[in-house]
């Protein structure tokens, strides 16, 4: 089964926009109520067995089971009899909201995420089951909302049917993300062709094993002054007033612009890297640790994780093999002789091997090591990295990447 997601901008009528806002508010209430129920149960199990807190304690019967997705869905069904507002959205929409909360707790238990937080506003809701022909021309049929017009920026390919629809609210308007599927088997991309290694950094956004550099754009830092000014204006406005809402929307539009510019840069760069190559290898970075380091602001602005996800998708789309390799020691090992040259300071931008005398840029050397590890992982002979010096019998003819 091949699944794709297309995003379109809606042209909502005033009553349809009001209905979407109302649904988002109800979903937020359900999410926060279910989270409060789970949080109270957790707090009731924190009391020491020999004494209680001086201030207060959550007292819940020890026979009460931990709230789960299934139990809260049953409670939601019973709550609809007394709260008519819960009958306004489609039933599956609220169930998906509870499933989203369950996924947040699973991420906390299994992936080391933090405890889920209460939501000030809900950004989207999803219809898990829709009609296969829900998208027809320039209109999309949303259950209980009706047919809504949208900007048909690209047609759905022949043979694909709608699986689910997510309605998203952004500062610039309302959008739908349509998940479409086709019953075909897509074979995995096998290693082939010429390979390049990619090293991610802050000085240059990427450096390739072909001695090419791409300068990064600090999208957030470039707009930080304007964002600071808008946030200062928001602070001086009365919360909920017309001017407060106007400045808040300007802040949302600025954040959306930063996101869109960064995403556009990533897609263009990913397509350029795929030109003329058959394999791309990148570092498997510990992004969580980098986000907590001394350079966390610059690392988060670089958004390496988003770029690697986009690069992986573009490689799959273009038929290029993509893989990530171990990033430990890539800046310490000489790509020419394999000697460990020791740790380098961040100020040292040139790699010079005392053993073989190989000299090149530090980031290029790391990219060449990444390429070597990637080729070893797929079982191919390492290509020539230095003119006149071989790693093995097989030598690839480089197809230069136009960056």
Protein backbone atom coordinates (compact mmCIF):
# COMPACT_ATOMS: atom_id res chain seq x y z
CA UNK A 1 0.00 0.00 0.00
CA UNK A 2 1.43 3.36 -1.08
CA UNK A 3 0.32 6.30 1.08
CA UNK A 4 0.82 9.99 0.31
CA UNK A 5 -0.34 13.25 1.90
CA UNK A 6 -1.43 16.33 -0.03
CA UNK A 7 -2.12 19.66 1.64
CA UNK A 8 -4.59 22.24 0.32
CA UNK A 9 -5.74 25.63 1.53
CA UNK A 10 -9.47 25.91 2.24
CA UNK A 11 -11.74 28.73 1.12
CA UNK A 12 -14.13 28.55 4.06
CA UNK A 13 -17.41 30.39 4.32
CA UNK A 14 -17.89 32.33 7.59
CA UNK A 15 -20.22 29.69 9.04
CA UNK A 16 -17.82 26.89 8.09
CA UNK A 17 -14.86 28.71 9.70
CA UNK A 18 -16.94 29.24 12.85
CA UNK A 19 -17.80 25.51 12.91
CA UNK A 20 -14.13 24.52 12.59
CA UNK A 21 -13.19 26.90 15.44
CA UNK A 22 -15.96 25.44 17.60
CA UNK A 23 -14.78 21.89 16.91
CA UNK A 24 -11.20 22.83 17.79
CA UNK A 25 -12.37 24.33 21.08
CA UNK A 26 -14.34 21.19 21.99
CA UNK A 27 -11.39 18.95 21.09
CA UNK A 28 -9.13 21.06 23.31
CA UNK A 29 -11.59 20.72 26.21
CA UNK A 30 -11.77 16.94 25.79
CA UNK A 31 -7.97 16.67 25.59
CA UNK A 32 -7.38 18.79 28.71
CA UNK A 33 -10.13 17.02 30.69
CA UNK A 34 -8.71 13.59 29.85
CA UNK A 35 -5.20 14.78 30.71
CA UNK A 36 -6.40 16.16 34.06
CA UNK A 37 -8.05 12.81 34.82
CA UNK A 38 -4.79 10.96 34.13
CA UNK A 39 -2.71 13.50 36.02
CA UNK A 40 -4.95 13.27 39.11
CA UNK A 41 -4.62 9.48 39.08
CA UNK A 42 -0.81 9.75 38.90
CA UNK A 43 -0.71 12.35 41.72
CA UNK A 44 -2.91 10.16 43.94
CA UNK A 45 -0.24 7.44 43.77
CA UNK A 46 2.57 9.76 44.88
CA UNK A 47 1.51 10.00 48.55
CA UNK A 48 3.96 8.37 50.98
CA UNK A 49 2.64 5.36 52.84
CA UNK A 50 3.46 6.73 56.33
CA UNK A 51 2.48 10.43 56.01
CA UNK A 52 0.63 12.94 53.87
CA UNK A 53 1.52 16.37 52.60
CA UNK A 54 0.71 19.36 54.83
CA UNK A 55 -0.92 21.23 51.95
CA UNK A 56 -3.10 18.72 50.08
CA UNK A 57 -3.30 15.22 48.68
CA UNK A 58 -5.15 13.68 45.75
CA UNK A 59 -7.37 11.00 47.25
CA UNK A 60 -8.59 8.46 44.71
CA UNK A 61 -9.72 4.97 45.61
CA UNK A 62 -6.92 2.39 45.29
CA UNK A 63 -9.34 0.20 43.35
CA UNK A 64 -9.61 2.82 40.59
CA UNK A 65 -7.73 1.64 37.53
CA UNK A 66 -5.39 3.83 35.55
CA UNK A 67 -7.28 5.81 32.87
CA UNK A 68 -6.61 4.43 29.41
CA UNK A 69 -7.74 5.23 25.90
CA UNK A 70 -10.51 2.62 25.95
CA UNK A 71 -11.83 3.61 29.39
CA UNK A 72 -11.85 7.31 28.50
CA UNK A 73 -13.69 6.57 25.25
CA UNK A 74 -16.41 4.87 27.30
CA UNK A 75 -16.53 7.86 29.64
CA UNK A 76 -16.83 10.16 26.63
CA UNK A 77 -19.85 8.22 25.37
CA UNK A 78 -21.54 8.54 28.78
CA UNK A 79 -20.68 12.26 29.00
CA UNK A 80 -22.52 12.97 25.75
CA UNK A 81 -25.82 12.24 27.50
CA UNK A 82 -25.30 15.16 29.90
CA UNK A 83 -23.17 17.53 27.81
CA UNK A 84 -24.79 18.35 24.44
CA UNK A 85 -21.68 20.20 23.21
CA UNK A 86 -19.87 16.88 22.87
CA UNK A 87 -22.42 15.83 20.23
CA UNK A 88 -21.48 18.72 17.92
CA UNK A 89 -18.25 17.24 16.44
CA UNK A 90 -18.23 13.87 14.74
CA UNK A 91 -17.73 11.07 17.27
CA UNK A 92 -14.53 9.76 15.66
CA UNK A 93 -12.94 13.23 15.85
CA UNK A 94 -13.12 13.22 19.65
CA UNK A 95 -11.88 9.63 19.77
CA UNK A 96 -8.85 10.65 17.73
CA UNK A 97 -8.22 13.44 20.24
CA UNK A 98 -8.05 10.85 23.02
CA UNK A 99 -5.80 8.70 20.83
CA UNK A 100 -3.49 11.69 20.44
CA UNK A 101 -3.25 11.94 24.24
CA UNK A 102 -2.52 8.22 24.47
CA UNK A 103 0.28 8.62 21.92
CA UNK A 104 1.76 11.44 24.02
CA UNK A 105 1.94 9.13 27.05
CA UNK A 106 3.43 6.29 24.96
CA UNK A 107 6.15 8.69 23.77
CA UNK A 108 6.83 9.63 27.39
CA UNK A 109 7.19 5.99 28.47
CA UNK A 110 9.06 4.59 25.48
CA UNK A 111 10.93 7.51 23.87
CA UNK A 112 11.88 9.65 26.87
CA UNK A 113 9.56 12.58 26.10
CA UNK A 114 8.32 14.89 28.86
CA UNK A 115 4.99 14.66 30.65
CA UNK A 116 2.14 15.83 28.35
CA UNK A 117 1.05 19.42 28.87
CA UNK A 118 -2.33 21.10 28.76
CA UNK A 119 -3.15 22.74 25.44
CA UNK A 120 -3.97 26.43 25.20
CA UNK A 121 -5.33 25.87 21.71
CA UNK A 122 -5.82 22.91 19.39
CA UNK A 123 -4.13 23.16 16.03
CA UNK A 124 -5.97 20.42 14.15
CA UNK A 125 -8.43 17.56 14.25
CA UNK A 126 -8.69 14.48 12.04
CA UNK A 127 -11.40 12.46 10.34
CA UNK A 128 -9.99 8.90 10.41
CA UNK A 129 -12.55 7.55 7.93
CA UNK A 130 -13.95 9.45 4.95
CA UNK A 131 -15.57 8.60 1.64
CA UNK A 132 -13.13 7.49 -1.08
CA UNK A 133 -14.46 10.30 -3.30
CA UNK A 134 -14.45 12.98 -0.59
CA UNK A 135 -12.33 15.21 -2.84
CA UNK A 136 -14.24 16.13 -5.97
CA UNK A 137 -12.90 18.87 -8.20
CA UNK A 138 -12.41 22.03 -6.12
CA UNK A 139 -14.55 20.91 -3.18
CA UNK A 140 -13.95 18.55 -0.29
CA UNK A 141 -16.72 16.89 1.70
CA UNK A 142 -16.11 17.14 5.45
CA UNK A 143 -18.52 15.10 7.63
CA UNK A 144 -21.08 17.29 9.50
CA UNK A 145 -19.44 20.45 8.11
CA UNK A 146 -20.38 20.04 4.46
CA UNK A 147 -18.68 20.70 1.18
CA UNK A 148 -15.86 23.23 1.46
CA UNK A 149 -14.06 24.81 -1.46
CA UNK A 150 -10.26 24.68 -1.60
CA UNK A 151 -7.38 25.79 -3.82
CA UNK A 152 -6.71 22.72 -5.96
CA UNK A 153 -2.96 23.20 -6.31
CA UNK A 154 -2.42 19.65 -7.60
CA UNK A 155 -4.76 16.88 -8.64
CA UNK A 156 -4.93 13.55 -6.87
CA UNK A 157 -3.22 10.90 -9.04
CA UNK A 158 -5.36 8.32 -10.78
CA UNK A 159 -5.87 5.14 -8.78
CA UNK A 160 -5.54 6.86 -5.37
CA UNK A 161 -8.45 7.15 -2.92
CA UNK A 162 -8.90 9.27 0.20
CA UNK A 163 -8.12 7.54 3.48
CA UNK A 164 -8.37 10.28 6.08
CA UNK A 165 -8.51 14.07 6.29
CA UNK A 166 -6.91 16.38 8.84
CA UNK A 167 -8.22 19.94 9.20
CA UNK A 168 -5.48 22.37 10.26
CA UNK A 169 -5.78 25.94 11.49
CA UNK A 170 -2.82 28.25 10.88
CA UNK A 171 -2.30 31.97 11.20
CA UNK A 172 -2.73 32.34 7.43
CA UNK A 173 -6.00 30.39 7.26
CA UNK A 174 -7.46 26.89 7.25
CA UNK A 175 -5.87 23.91 5.51
CA UNK A 176 -6.62 20.24 4.94
CA UNK A 177 -4.07 17.45 4.78
CA UNK A 178 -5.56 14.65 2.68
CA UNK A 179 -4.05 11.18 3.12
CA UNK A 180 -4.45 9.17 -0.07
CA UNK A 181 -3.56 5.55 -0.74
CA UNK A 182 -3.13 3.18 -3.65
CA UNK A 183 -3.02 -0.60 -3.48
CA UNK A 184 0.41 -1.07 -5.07
CA UNK A 185 3.67 -2.50 -3.79
CA UNK A 186 6.65 -0.15 -3.93
CA UNK A 187 10.00 -1.99 -3.87
CA UNK A 188 12.75 -0.77 -1.57
CA UNK A 189 15.50 1.30 -3.17
CA UNK A 190 18.72 -0.69 -3.38
CA UNK A 191 22.24 0.80 -3.21
CA UNK A 192 23.41 1.81 -6.65
CA UNK A 193 25.39 4.45 -8.52
CA UNK A 194 27.82 7.00 -7.17
CA UNK A 195 27.70 7.86 -3.47
CA UNK A 196 28.26 11.09 -1.57
CA UNK A 197 28.60 11.77 2.13
CA UNK A 198 26.98 14.72 3.87
CA UNK A 199 28.24 16.42 7.02
CA UNK A 200 25.90 18.78 8.87
CA UNK A 201 27.26 21.82 10.66
CA UNK A 202 26.70 25.38 11.80
CA UNK A 203 29.53 27.15 9.99
CA UNK A 204 28.28 25.66 6.70
CA UNK A 205 24.89 24.00 6.73
CA UNK A 206 26.24 21.00 4.83
CA UNK A 207 29.59 19.94 3.44
CA UNK A 208 29.77 17.07 0.96
CA UNK A 209 32.50 14.56 0.32
CA UNK A 210 32.98 16.29 -3.07
CA UNK A 211 34.47 19.36 -1.34
CA UNK A 212 31.33 21.44 -1.81
CA UNK A 213 29.69 23.67 0.77
CA UNK A 214 26.20 25.07 1.20
CA UNK A 215 25.80 28.09 3.40
CA UNK A 216 22.94 27.85 5.86
CA UNK A 217 20.29 30.46 6.54
CA UNK A 218 19.54 31.34 10.16
CA UNK A 219 15.86 31.89 9.48
CA UNK A 220 14.83 32.42 13.10
CA UNK A 221 17.79 34.65 13.93
CA UNK A 222 17.13 36.82 10.86
CA UNK A 223 13.56 37.48 12.05
CA UNK A 224 14.30 37.56 15.78
CA UNK A 225 14.38 41.36 15.98
CA UNK A 226 10.99 41.72 14.32
CA UNK A 227 9.58 38.95 16.52
CA UNK A 228 10.89 40.63 19.66
CA UNK A 229 9.23 43.91 18.63
CA UNK A 230 5.85 42.23 18.03
CA UNK A 231 5.99 40.35 21.32
CA UNK A 232 6.75 43.60 23.15
CA UNK A 233 3.70 45.18 21.51
CA UNK A 234 1.55 42.21 22.48
CA UNK A 235 2.62 42.57 26.11
CA UNK A 236 1.30 46.15 26.24
CA UNK A 237 -2.14 45.29 24.81
CA UNK A 238 -5.18 44.21 26.80
CA UNK A 239 -5.55 40.46 26.49
CA UNK A 240 -8.46 39.51 24.26
CA UNK A 241 -8.89 42.99 22.76
CA UNK A 242 -9.06 43.65 19.02
CA UNK A 243 -5.52 45.06 18.88
CA UNK A 244 -4.20 42.18 20.98
CA UNK A 245 -5.70 39.68 18.53
CA UNK A 246 -4.25 41.60 15.57
CA UNK A 247 -0.69 41.58 17.00
CA UNK A 248 -1.06 37.91 17.97
CA UNK A 249 -1.99 37.06 14.38
CA UNK A 250 1.06 38.99 13.12
CA UNK A 251 3.28 36.90 15.42
CA UNK A 252 1.68 33.72 14.10
CA UNK A 253 2.19 34.83 10.50
CA UNK A 254 5.87 35.58 11.19
CA UNK A 255 6.42 32.14 12.74
CA UNK A 256 4.66 30.55 9.77
CA UNK A 257 6.87 32.51 7.35
CA UNK A 258 10.01 31.26 9.15
CA UNK A 259 8.74 27.69 8.92
CA UNK A 260 7.83 27.98 5.23
CA UNK A 261 11.16 29.59 4.25
CA UNK A 262 13.12 26.90 6.08
CA UNK A 263 11.02 24.12 4.52
CA UNK A 264 11.41 25.58 1.02
CA UNK A 265 15.20 25.77 1.47
CA UNK A 266 15.34 22.16 2.67
CA UNK A 267 13.35 20.80 -0.28
CA UNK A 268 15.40 22.69 -2.87
CA UNK A 269 18.65 21.57 -1.27
CA UNK A 270 17.49 17.95 -1.06
CA UNK A 271 16.60 17.90 -4.76
CA UNK A 272 19.98 19.41 -5.66
CA UNK A 273 21.81 16.75 -3.66
CA UNK A 274 19.92 13.99 -5.49
CA UNK A 275 21.01 15.21 -8.93
CA UNK A 276 23.49 12.80 -10.52
CA UNK A 277 23.99 10.47 -7.54
CA UNK A 278 22.65 7.06 -6.55
CA UNK A 279 23.42 7.00 -2.82
CA UNK A 280 23.47 9.64 -0.09
CA UNK A 281 24.83 8.97 3.40
CA UNK A 282 24.35 11.34 6.35
CA UNK A 283 25.21 11.39 10.04
CA UNK A 284 22.84 9.90 12.59
CA UNK A 285 23.03 12.79 15.04
CA UNK A 286 21.85 12.79 18.64
CA UNK A 287 19.44 15.67 18.07
CA UNK A 288 18.01 15.57 21.58
CA UNK A 289 21.45 16.13 23.14
CA UNK A 290 22.27 18.89 20.65
CA UNK A 291 19.02 20.62 21.56
CA UNK A 292 20.20 20.80 25.17
CA UNK A 293 23.81 21.82 24.52
CA UNK A 294 25.41 25.25 24.82
CA UNK A 295 24.69 25.82 21.12
CA UNK A 296 21.07 24.70 21.41
CA UNK A 297 19.58 27.89 19.94
CA UNK A 298 21.70 27.67 16.78
CA UNK A 299 21.12 23.90 16.51
CA UNK A 300 17.35 24.26 16.80
CA UNK A 301 17.40 27.07 14.24
CA UNK A 302 19.36 24.84 11.84
CA UNK A 303 16.63 22.14 12.20
CA UNK A 304 18.82 19.23 11.10
CA UNK A 305 16.16 16.68 12.02
CA UNK A 306 13.60 18.26 9.67
CA UNK A 307 16.16 18.41 6.88
CA UNK A 308 17.07 14.73 7.26
CA UNK A 309 13.39 13.76 7.15
CA UNK A 310 12.85 15.83 4.00
CA UNK A 311 16.05 14.46 2.44
CA UNK A 312 14.91 10.91 3.15
CA UNK A 313 11.54 11.59 1.48
CA UNK A 314 13.08 13.28 -1.57
CA UNK A 315 15.61 10.44 -1.99
CA UNK A 316 12.76 7.90 -1.94
CA UNK A 317 10.86 10.00 -4.48
CA UNK A 318 13.88 10.37 -6.77
CA UNK A 319 15.01 6.73 -6.49
CA UNK A 320 18.18 7.54 -4.53
CA UNK A 321 19.35 5.24 -1.72
CA UNK A 322 19.55 7.10 1.60
CA UNK A 323 21.01 5.88 4.89
CA UNK A 324 22.35 7.34 8.12
CA UNK A 325 25.60 6.15 9.70
CA UNK A 326 27.18 6.42 13.12
CA UNK A 327 28.29 10.01 13.73
CA UNK A 328 30.82 9.27 16.50
CA UNK A 329 34.35 10.35 15.67
CA UNK A 330 33.73 11.52 12.10
CA UNK A 331 35.77 14.70 12.71
CA UNK A 332 38.63 12.77 14.38
CA UNK A 333 39.36 10.03 11.83
CA UNK A 334 41.47 10.71 8.76
CA UNK A 335 39.54 9.70 5.61
CA UNK A 336 42.76 8.93 3.76
CA UNK A 337 44.50 6.48 6.10
CA UNK A 338 41.91 5.81 8.82
CA UNK A 339 44.10 7.12 11.67
CA UNK A 340 42.44 8.66 14.69
CA UNK A 341 43.90 12.17 14.86
CA UNK A 342 42.31 13.03 18.20
CA UNK A 343 39.70 15.58 19.18
CA UNK A 344 39.63 18.96 17.49
CA UNK A 345 38.46 22.25 18.92
CA UNK A 346 35.58 23.98 17.18
CA UNK A 347 37.99 26.73 16.12
CA UNK A 348 40.11 24.19 14.17
CA UNK A 349 38.57 24.20 10.69
CA UNK A 350 41.33 22.33 8.84
CA UNK A 351 42.03 18.59 9.04
CA UNK A 352 45.74 17.73 8.86
CA UNK A 353 46.82 14.14 9.42
CA UNK A 354 50.24 13.72 11.06
CA UNK A 355 50.45 10.14 9.78
CA UNK A 356 49.89 10.56 6.03
CA UNK A 357 49.93 14.34 5.63
CA UNK A 358 46.44 14.53 4.13
CA UNK A 359 45.03 18.07 4.50
CA UNK A 360 41.52 19.26 3.74
CA UNK A 361 38.65 21.13 5.32
CA UNK A 362 37.46 19.62 8.57
CA UNK A 363 33.84 19.28 7.41
CA UNK A 364 34.83 17.76 4.07
CA UNK A 365 36.97 15.18 5.88
CA UNK A 366 34.02 14.30 8.10
CA UNK A 367 31.76 13.94 5.05
CA UNK A 368 34.32 11.61 3.44
CA UNK A 369 34.38 9.47 6.58
CA UNK A 370 30.57 9.37 6.50
CA UNK A 371 30.71 8.22 2.88
CA UNK A 372 33.27 5.54 3.75
CA UNK A 373 31.14 4.21 6.60
CA UNK A 374 28.05 4.20 4.42
CA UNK A 375 29.74 2.25 1.64
CA UNK A 376 31.13 -0.24 4.15
CA UNK A 377 27.63 -0.67 5.59
CA UNK A 378 26.11 -1.53 2.21
CA UNK A 379 29.03 -3.79 1.34
CA UNK A 380 30.61 -1.78 -1.46
CA UNK A 381 34.22 -0.87 -2.05
CA UNK A 382 35.15 2.60 -0.89
CA UNK A 383 35.73 5.05 -3.73
CA UNK A 384 38.73 7.29 -4.23
CA UNK A 385 38.59 10.22 -1.82
CA UNK A 386 42.02 11.69 -2.52
CA UNK A 387 43.46 11.98 -5.99
CA UNK A 388 45.96 9.20 -6.59
CA UNK A 389 45.12 7.30 -3.39
CA UNK A 390 42.78 4.30 -3.30
CA UNK A 391 40.79 2.75 -0.49
CA UNK A 392 40.20 -0.37 -2.55
CA UNK A 393 39.95 -1.86 -5.99
CA UNK A 394 36.67 -0.23 -7.02
CA UNK A 395 36.90 3.39 -8.12
CA UNK A 396 33.76 5.43 -8.84
CA UNK A 397 33.63 8.19 -11.43
CA UNK A 398 32.22 11.21 -9.59
CA UNK A 399 29.17 12.99 -10.98
CA UNK A 400 29.51 16.48 -9.57
CA UNK A 401 26.56 17.77 -7.61
CA UNK A 402 25.44 21.26 -8.62
CA UNK A 403 24.87 23.20 -5.44
